[in-house]
Amino acid sequence: MRSGVPSTLANRRRVSLAMAIINWNGSDLPDALRPLPAGRYIVEALDDPASLTPEEEDGLIQALDSLRAGRGLDHEDVRARVLKRIST
């Protein structure tokens, strides 16, 4: 419980970064799941996905492009910066 968040919730947040939205007919295994390795997965029904504004979507695309270009920051560096900022 390093961040003050229960470890199961922190793990779920980490997992959510790798989630995908899959349409399922209720009986057949979706093709998107077939390449996944055997293991345990969290599946959650999503009735109404939150939509992004065009500005939010553009911001995410710019952020992903920046990461792909190698301009990302290490998790520990970001965490240290955030903790420093909120402690002042």
Protein backbone atom coordinates (compact mmCIF):
# COMPACT_ATOMS: atom_id res chain seq x y z
CA MET A 1 0.00 0.00 0.00
CA ARG A 2 2.73 2.42 -1.04
CA SER A 3 0.47 5.11 -2.48
CA GLY A 4 -2.26 4.98 0.15
CA VAL A 5 -4.48 3.00 -2.23
CA PRO A 6 -5.32 -0.61 -1.31
CA SER A 7 -3.10 -2.92 -3.35
CA THR A 8 -6.01 -4.59 -5.14
CA LEU A 9 -7.29 -1.23 -6.36
CA ALA A 10 -3.77 -0.14 -7.33
CA ASN A 11 -3.33 -3.38 -9.28
CA ARG A 12 -6.68 -2.87 -11.01
CA ARG A 13 -5.66 0.63 -12.04
CA ARG A 14 -2.41 -0.73 -13.46
CA VAL A 15 -4.32 -3.41 -15.36
CA SER A 16 -6.81 -0.91 -16.71
CA LEU A 17 -4.05 0.73 -18.71
CA ALA A 18 -3.94 -2.36 -20.90
CA MET A 19 -7.67 -2.78 -21.39
CA ALA A 20 -9.50 -2.99 -24.68
CA ILE A 21 -13.15 -2.59 -25.55
CA ILE A 22 -14.50 -5.75 -27.15
CA ASN A 23 -17.99 -6.27 -28.53
CA TRP A 24 -19.26 -9.73 -27.59
CA ASN A 25 -22.39 -11.55 -28.76
CA GLY A 26 -22.67 -13.48 -25.49
CA SER A 27 -21.70 -16.91 -26.75
CA ASP A 28 -18.75 -16.97 -29.19
CA LEU A 29 -15.23 -16.19 -28.02
CA PRO A 30 -14.20 -12.84 -29.54
CA ASP A 31 -11.19 -13.06 -31.87
CA ALA A 32 -9.48 -10.29 -29.89
CA LEU A 33 -9.20 -12.66 -26.90
CA ARG A 34 -7.70 -15.63 -28.74
CA PRO A 35 -4.06 -14.44 -28.73
CA LEU A 36 -4.07 -13.81 -24.97
CA PRO A 37 -2.03 -16.24 -22.86
CA ALA A 38 -3.78 -18.51 -20.43
CA GLY A 39 -4.37 -16.83 -17.10
CA ARG A 40 -6.82 -14.85 -15.02
CA TYR A 41 -8.46 -11.76 -16.45
CA ILE A 42 -10.86 -9.11 -15.20
CA VAL A 43 -13.86 -8.65 -17.49
CA GLU A 44 -16.29 -5.83 -16.89
CA ALA A 45 -19.44 -5.02 -18.84
CA LEU A 46 -19.36 -1.56 -20.36
CA ASP A 47 -22.76 -0.20 -21.26
CA ASP A 48 -21.89 3.41 -21.95
CA PRO A 49 -18.21 4.18 -22.53
CA ALA A 50 -17.21 7.70 -21.60
CA SER A 51 -16.50 9.76 -24.66
CA LEU A 52 -13.62 12.15 -24.97
CA THR A 53 -13.85 15.67 -26.25
CA PRO A 54 -11.88 16.31 -29.45
CA GLU A 55 -9.33 18.23 -27.36
CA GLU A 56 -8.91 15.31 -24.93
CA GLU A 57 -8.49 12.85 -27.78
CA ASP A 58 -5.91 15.11 -29.48
CA GLY A 59 -4.04 15.42 -26.18
CA LEU A 60 -3.92 11.64 -25.76
CA ILE A 61 -2.72 11.16 -29.33
CA GLN A 62 0.03 13.75 -28.78
CA ALA A 63 1.04 12.05 -25.52
CA LEU A 64 1.21 8.62 -27.18
CA ASP A 65 3.24 10.04 -30.07
CA SER A 66 5.63 11.59 -27.55
CA LEU A 67 6.04 8.26 -25.73
CA ARG A 68 6.65 6.41 -28.99
CA ALA A 69 9.32 8.98 -29.87
CA GLY A 70 11.13 8.19 -26.61
CA ARG A 71 10.18 11.38 -24.79
CA GLY A 72 8.45 9.63 -21.88
CA LEU A 73 9.38 9.91 -18.22
CA ASP A 74 10.19 7.11 -15.78
CA HIS A 75 7.38 6.28 -13.34
CA GLU A 76 9.55 6.94 -10.28
CA ASP A 77 10.62 10.37 -11.63
CA VAL A 78 7.01 11.36 -12.23
CA ARG A 79 5.97 10.09 -8.80
CA ALA A 80 8.76 12.05 -7.12
CA ARG A 81 7.76 15.23 -8.99
CA VAL A 82 4.10 14.82 -8.02
CA LEU A 83 4.91 14.13 -4.37
CA LYS A 84 7.23 17.15 -4.26
CA ARG A 85 4.58 19.37 -5.79
CA ILE A 86 1.76 18.30 -3.45
CA SER A 87 3.95 18.53 -0.33
CA THR A 88 4.68 22.23 -0.83
